[in-house]
Amino acid sequence: HNWHHILIYSCFLLFIVSDLAVARDVLFPGSSAWACAFAFAAQASLFAGHPVSNVVEQRMHLMLVILSMTSAVLAVRCSWPGGGWAWTGGLYCIALQGANFLVMGVWLDSFQDKDGKRIWGPDSDFHKHVMKAHMALVVAGLALGIVFIWRLSVTHQSSQPRQPLPQSDEIDTDSKEFPPSVFGSEWGITREA
């Protein structure tokens, strides 16, 4: 059981080593994103096969599997051009995984049996506790989502220079480029001739 836990997280050593190798031009750019994707996919596979003691713990492991696979897909997307946005999505999934770990560790360890002895997870009324586990993940997701959206908004606003909209007499109608303030110009969209 302990080796299972060690293997879940040791795959991330491959990511760390590959990221250092990319920084020193030993590996090609993007290989660390692929190593990160492998680590998350391995983590998802190992969480899927992790032994559980009750249905609540099983459901929380399923949540971790879904978040790990989503992180793996986003890490692969980071290796392609224009995939910088995927890092933000991946960080969100990682933060949500951390929230799930906290909820699982603190909450599942807080149950007691009929004699008052502490036990891991509930011994009855599973449906109610599975529902609470999902509610805890959704609340954590909403709270983290608000923080991430606010942070992205602040970052985006501070990185964008404020330019006044061009007046109609200032726009060069013969140009194939849109004015910088027109939506879509950041992707290199040009007018047809």
Protein backbone atom coordinates (compact mmCIF):
# COMPACT_ATOMS: atom_id res chain seq x y z
CA HIS A 1 0.00 0.00 0.00
CA ASN A 2 2.82 2.42 0.83
CA TRP A 3 4.59 1.65 -2.46
CA HIS A 4 1.36 2.49 -4.27
CA HIS A 5 1.35 5.93 -2.63
CA ILE A 6 5.04 6.46 -3.37
CA LEU A 7 4.54 5.59 -7.04
CA ILE A 8 1.57 7.96 -7.33
CA TYR A 9 3.81 10.94 -6.63
CA SER A 10 7.23 9.71 -7.77
CA CYS A 11 6.17 10.03 -11.43
CA PHE A 12 6.38 13.78 -10.92
CA LEU A 13 10.16 13.42 -10.46
CA LEU A 14 10.29 12.67 -14.19
CA PHE A 15 8.57 16.00 -14.81
CA ILE A 16 11.04 17.86 -12.58
CA VAL A 17 14.06 16.24 -14.25
CA SER A 18 12.71 16.88 -17.76
CA ASP A 19 11.88 20.50 -16.91
CA LEU A 20 15.45 21.05 -15.71
CA ALA A 21 16.74 19.36 -18.88
CA VAL A 22 14.61 21.66 -21.06
CA ALA A 23 15.97 24.69 -19.20
CA ARG A 24 19.50 23.52 -20.06
CA ASP A 25 18.63 22.75 -23.71
CA VAL A 26 19.18 19.01 -23.22
CA LEU A 27 15.58 18.11 -24.16
CA PHE A 28 13.33 19.74 -26.74
CA PRO A 29 10.90 22.48 -25.64
CA GLY A 30 7.58 20.96 -24.69
CA SER A 31 9.02 17.67 -23.43
CA SER A 32 8.46 18.72 -19.83
CA ALA A 33 4.77 19.26 -20.65
CA TRP A 34 4.63 15.69 -21.97
CA ALA A 35 6.39 14.41 -18.83
CA CYS A 36 3.88 16.31 -16.72
CA ALA A 37 1.04 14.75 -18.75
CA PHE A 38 2.52 11.29 -18.17
CA ALA A 39 2.81 11.96 -14.42
CA PHE A 40 -0.83 13.04 -14.19
CA ALA A 41 -2.02 10.10 -16.32
CA ALA A 42 -0.03 7.71 -14.10
CA GLN A 43 -1.49 9.38 -11.03
CA ALA A 44 -5.01 8.95 -12.45
CA SER A 45 -4.40 5.28 -13.21
CA LEU A 46 -2.99 4.61 -9.75
CA PHE A 47 -5.84 6.46 -8.01
CA ALA A 48 -8.33 4.43 -10.06
CA GLY A 49 -6.72 1.23 -8.74
CA HIS A 50 -6.20 2.47 -5.19
CA PRO A 51 -7.90 0.31 -2.55
CA VAL A 52 -10.65 2.07 -0.62
CA SER A 53 -12.48 1.23 2.57
CA ASN A 54 -15.87 2.78 1.79
CA VAL A 55 -17.98 4.24 -0.99
CA VAL A 56 -17.28 7.85 0.02
CA GLU A 57 -13.54 7.34 -0.30
CA GLN A 58 -14.12 5.58 -3.63
CA ARG A 59 -16.08 8.56 -4.95
CA MET A 60 -13.44 11.03 -3.83
CA HIS A 61 -10.78 8.93 -5.58
CA LEU A 62 -12.93 9.07 -8.72
CA MET A 63 -12.92 12.88 -8.44
CA LEU A 64 -9.11 12.78 -8.24
CA VAL A 65 -8.96 10.50 -11.31
CA ILE A 66 -11.07 12.95 -13.33
CA LEU A 67 -8.98 15.95 -12.21
CA SER A 68 -5.72 14.11 -12.92
CA MET A 69 -6.81 13.12 -16.43
CA THR A 70 -7.98 16.68 -17.12
CA SER A 71 -4.57 17.95 -15.95
CA ALA A 72 -2.87 15.42 -18.24
CA VAL A 73 -4.85 16.61 -21.26
CA LEU A 74 -4.13 20.26 -20.45
CA ALA A 75 -0.41 19.48 -20.02
CA VAL A 76 -0.33 17.91 -23.50
CA ARG A 77 -2.10 21.01 -24.87
CA CYS A 78 0.66 23.17 -23.33
CA SER A 79 3.22 21.54 -25.62
CA TRP A 80 1.52 22.95 -28.75
CA PRO A 81 1.90 26.51 -29.96
CA GLY A 82 -0.62 28.83 -28.36
CA GLY A 83 -1.23 26.49 -25.44
CA GLY A 84 -0.19 28.88 -22.71
CA TRP A 85 -3.79 29.20 -21.54
CA ALA A 86 -3.77 25.48 -20.71
CA TRP A 87 -1.28 26.06 -17.87
CA THR A 88 -3.91 28.15 -16.10
CA GLY A 89 -6.50 25.40 -16.53
CA GLY A 90 -3.98 22.84 -15.32
CA LEU A 91 -3.14 24.93 -12.26
CA TYR A 92 -6.85 25.19 -11.50
CA CYS A 93 -7.17 21.38 -11.64
CA ILE A 94 -4.11 20.99 -9.43
CA ALA A 95 -5.53 23.46 -6.88
CA LEU A 96 -8.83 21.58 -6.95
CA GLN A 97 -6.95 18.31 -6.39
CA GLY A 98 -5.30 19.89 -3.36
CA ALA A 99 -8.68 20.97 -2.02
CA ASN A 100 -9.96 17.43 -2.56
CA PHE A 101 -6.97 16.01 -0.65
CA LEU A 102 -7.65 18.36 2.27
CA VAL A 103 -11.35 17.55 2.33
CA MET A 104 -10.67 13.83 2.04
CA GLY A 105 -7.96 13.80 4.68
CA VAL A 106 -9.63 16.00 7.27
CA TRP A 107 -13.25 15.06 6.68
CA LEU A 108 -12.92 11.28 6.27
CA ASP A 109 -10.72 11.14 9.37
CA SER A 110 -13.35 12.94 11.48
CA PHE A 111 -15.89 10.09 11.69
CA GLN A 112 -16.53 8.01 14.80
CA ASP A 113 -18.19 4.65 15.29
CA LYS A 114 -20.98 4.00 17.81
CA ASP A 115 -18.45 3.64 20.63
CA GLY A 116 -16.86 7.04 19.88
CA LYS A 117 -13.72 5.50 18.37
CA ARG A 118 -12.31 7.40 15.41
CA ILE A 119 -12.70 5.59 12.07
CA TRP A 120 -11.81 6.38 8.45
CA GLY A 121 -15.02 7.42 6.71
CA PRO A 122 -18.63 6.83 7.65
CA ASP A 123 -19.87 3.43 8.72
CA SER A 124 -23.45 4.12 7.61
CA ASP A 125 -25.62 6.64 5.74
CA PHE A 126 -23.29 6.55 2.71
CA HIS A 127 -25.66 8.36 0.35
CA LYS A 128 -25.72 11.48 2.54
CA HIS A 129 -21.93 11.50 2.84
CA VAL A 130 -21.33 10.92 -0.89
CA MET A 131 -23.59 13.89 -1.54
CA LYS A 132 -21.58 15.96 0.97
CA ALA A 133 -18.34 14.93 -0.75
CA HIS A 134 -19.65 16.20 -4.09
CA MET A 135 -20.92 19.38 -2.49
CA ALA A 136 -17.52 20.01 -0.88
CA LEU A 137 -15.76 19.60 -4.24
CA VAL A 138 -18.23 21.92 -5.98
CA VAL A 139 -17.88 24.59 -3.27
CA ALA A 140 -14.08 24.32 -3.47
CA GLY A 141 -14.31 24.49 -7.28
CA LEU A 142 -16.47 27.61 -7.18
CA ALA A 143 -14.25 29.34 -4.64
CA LEU A 144 -11.07 28.49 -6.57
CA GLY A 145 -12.79 29.41 -9.84
CA ILE A 146 -13.64 32.87 -8.51
CA VAL A 147 -10.03 33.38 -7.36
CA PHE A 148 -8.62 32.15 -10.70
CA ILE A 149 -11.00 34.26 -12.80
CA TRP A 150 -10.27 37.34 -10.69
CA ARG A 151 -6.52 36.75 -10.92
CA LEU A 152 -6.66 36.18 -14.68
CA SER A 153 -8.74 39.32 -15.08
CA VAL A 154 -6.25 41.41 -13.10
CA THR A 155 -3.31 39.91 -15.02
CA HIS A 156 -4.99 40.47 -18.38
CA GLN A 157 -5.93 44.07 -17.56
CA SER A 158 -2.45 44.97 -16.34
CA SER A 159 -0.73 43.40 -19.36
CA GLN A 160 -2.89 45.08 -21.99
CA PRO A 161 -1.96 48.65 -22.91
CA ARG A 162 -4.95 50.93 -22.94
CA GLN A 163 -5.42 52.30 -26.46
CA PRO A 164 -8.24 54.56 -27.51
CA LEU A 165 -10.53 53.17 -30.18
CA PRO A 166 -9.61 54.58 -33.59
CA GLN A 167 -11.93 57.15 -35.06
CA SER A 168 -13.41 56.41 -38.47
CA ASP A 169 -11.16 58.99 -40.18
CA GLU A 170 -8.05 57.40 -38.58
CA ILE A 171 -8.64 53.88 -39.96
CA ASP A 172 -6.67 53.02 -43.07
CA THR A 173 -9.24 51.19 -45.19
CA ASP A 174 -6.56 49.93 -47.60
CA SER A 175 -4.68 48.09 -44.84
CA LYS A 176 -5.10 44.32 -44.56
CA GLU A 177 -4.47 44.49 -40.80
CA PHE A 178 -7.19 45.33 -38.31
CA PRO A 179 -6.47 48.16 -35.91
CA PRO A 180 -4.87 46.78 -32.71
CA SER A 181 -8.00 47.45 -30.64
CA VAL A 182 -10.30 45.41 -32.90
CA PHE A 183 -11.31 42.01 -31.52
CA GLY A 184 -9.42 39.19 -33.21
CA SER A 185 -6.30 41.15 -34.13
CA GLU A 186 -4.26 39.41 -31.43
CA TRP A 187 -4.63 36.15 -33.42
CA GLY A 188 -3.33 37.70 -36.63
CA ILE A 189 -6.70 37.83 -38.39
CA THR A 190 -6.52 40.00 -41.50
CA ARG A 191 -9.08 41.23 -43.99
CA GLU A 192 -9.35 39.59 -47.36
CA ALA A 193 -8.10 41.74 -50.23
